Amino acid sequence: MMILSMTCSVNSALNNHSKDIPGKQKQAPVKPLSYFVDRYKNPDEGMTQAYLSGHCTLAQVGEHFGVSYATVSRAVKQAEKRKRARQIYVLTLRYFQ
């Protein structure tokens, strides 16, 4: 009886804990770095998208594209700067309409 009681307690605890975990965590499938070379004509854009995919380090992207990780970092920062500028522009347009 003691073992049955402990088993029920453990099963209950596991069932309660599993409710806290999302049903299915979605993550994009890993694309090879060659995909980003082929997909983007601009190497800076390809490096940026490869890094932002979250599956590669700056060094891995740089090695594949034949540049240093610092070059990849600069490309990512410039892309983020352009994105912020576009967001500000859109917000400004909406505000003054």
Protein backbone atom coordinates (compact mmCIF):
# COMPACT_ATOMS: atom_id res chain seq x y z
CA MET A 1 0.00 0.00 0.00
CA MET A 2 2.89 2.33 0.84
CA ILE A 3 4.43 1.84 -2.62
CA LEU A 4 1.10 2.48 -4.32
CA SER A 5 0.66 5.67 -2.31
CA MET A 6 4.14 6.90 -3.23
CA THR A 7 3.59 6.04 -6.89
CA CYS A 8 0.35 8.02 -6.93
CA SER A 9 2.10 10.98 -5.31
CA VAL A 10 4.91 10.92 -7.86
CA ASN A 11 2.50 10.57 -10.78
CA SER A 12 0.40 13.44 -9.45
CA ALA A 13 3.47 15.65 -9.11
CA LEU A 14 4.61 14.80 -12.64
CA ASN A 15 1.17 15.52 -14.09
CA ASN A 16 0.96 18.89 -12.35
CA HIS A 17 4.45 19.84 -13.50
CA SER A 18 3.79 18.87 -17.12
CA LYS A 19 0.97 21.43 -17.28
CA ASP A 20 3.58 24.18 -16.90
CA ILE A 21 5.42 23.09 -20.05
CA PRO A 22 4.03 24.30 -23.41
CA GLY A 23 2.42 21.56 -25.50
CA LYS A 24 4.83 21.87 -28.38
CA GLN A 25 7.72 24.26 -28.44
CA LYS A 26 8.29 25.42 -31.98
CA GLN A 27 11.68 26.24 -33.40
CA ALA A 28 12.59 26.68 -37.02
CA PRO A 29 14.53 23.80 -38.52
CA VAL A 30 18.27 24.38 -38.78
CA LYS A 31 19.24 25.63 -42.23
CA PRO A 32 22.79 25.08 -43.46
CA LEU A 33 24.93 28.18 -43.88
CA SER A 34 25.03 27.54 -47.63
CA TYR A 35 21.29 28.33 -47.65
CA PHE A 36 22.02 31.91 -46.54
CA VAL A 37 24.75 32.30 -49.17
CA ASP A 38 22.36 31.16 -51.91
CA ARG A 39 19.27 32.96 -50.59
CA TYR A 40 20.73 36.46 -50.13
CA LYS A 41 22.63 38.20 -52.91
CA ASN A 42 24.04 40.75 -50.45
CA PRO A 43 26.62 38.97 -48.24
CA ASP A 44 25.94 41.33 -45.32
CA GLU A 45 22.26 40.39 -45.40
CA GLY A 46 23.10 36.70 -45.66
CA MET A 47 25.50 36.90 -42.71
CA THR A 48 22.95 38.83 -40.67
CA GLN A 49 20.12 36.40 -41.35
CA ALA A 50 22.37 33.40 -40.67
CA TYR A 51 23.41 34.80 -37.29
CA LEU A 52 19.90 35.93 -36.35
CA SER A 53 18.55 32.46 -37.10
CA GLY A 54 20.03 31.59 -33.72
CA HIS A 55 21.75 28.41 -34.83
CA CYS A 56 25.25 29.78 -35.50
CA THR A 57 27.83 31.86 -33.69
CA LEU A 58 29.43 34.96 -35.17
CA ALA A 59 32.63 32.97 -35.66
CA GLN A 60 30.86 30.14 -37.51
CA VAL A 61 29.10 32.57 -39.84
CA GLY A 62 32.31 34.50 -40.45
CA GLU A 63 34.27 31.34 -41.22
CA HIS A 64 31.67 30.21 -43.76
CA PHE A 65 31.49 33.63 -45.45
CA GLY A 66 35.28 34.07 -45.37
CA VAL A 67 35.32 37.08 -43.04
CA SER A 68 36.13 37.70 -39.39
CA TYR A 69 33.50 37.48 -36.66
CA ALA A 70 33.90 41.26 -36.19
CA THR A 71 32.74 41.82 -39.78
CA VAL A 72 29.66 39.69 -39.11
CA SER A 73 29.02 41.63 -35.90
CA ARG A 74 29.19 44.95 -37.77
CA ALA A 75 26.77 43.66 -40.43
CA VAL A 76 24.31 42.56 -37.72
CA LYS A 77 24.56 45.91 -35.92
CA GLN A 78 23.99 47.84 -39.14
CA ALA A 79 20.93 45.72 -39.96
CA GLU A 80 19.51 46.29 -36.48
CA LYS A 81 20.17 50.04 -36.86
CA ARG A 82 18.30 50.09 -40.21
CA LYS A 83 15.43 48.14 -38.67
CA ARG A 84 15.11 50.64 -35.80
CA ALA A 85 15.21 53.54 -38.27
CA ARG A 86 12.37 51.96 -40.30
CA GLN A 87 10.32 51.42 -37.14
CA ILE A 88 10.78 55.05 -36.10
CA TYR A 89 9.85 56.20 -39.61
CA VAL A 90 6.65 54.13 -39.60
CA LEU A 91 5.69 55.36 -36.13
CA THR A 92 6.33 58.95 -37.22
CA LEU A 93 4.11 58.51 -40.29
CA ARG A 94 1.31 57.07 -38.17
CA TYR A 95 1.60 59.86 -35.61
CA PHE A 96 1.35 62.68 -38.17
CA GLN A 97 -1.51 61.25 -40.21
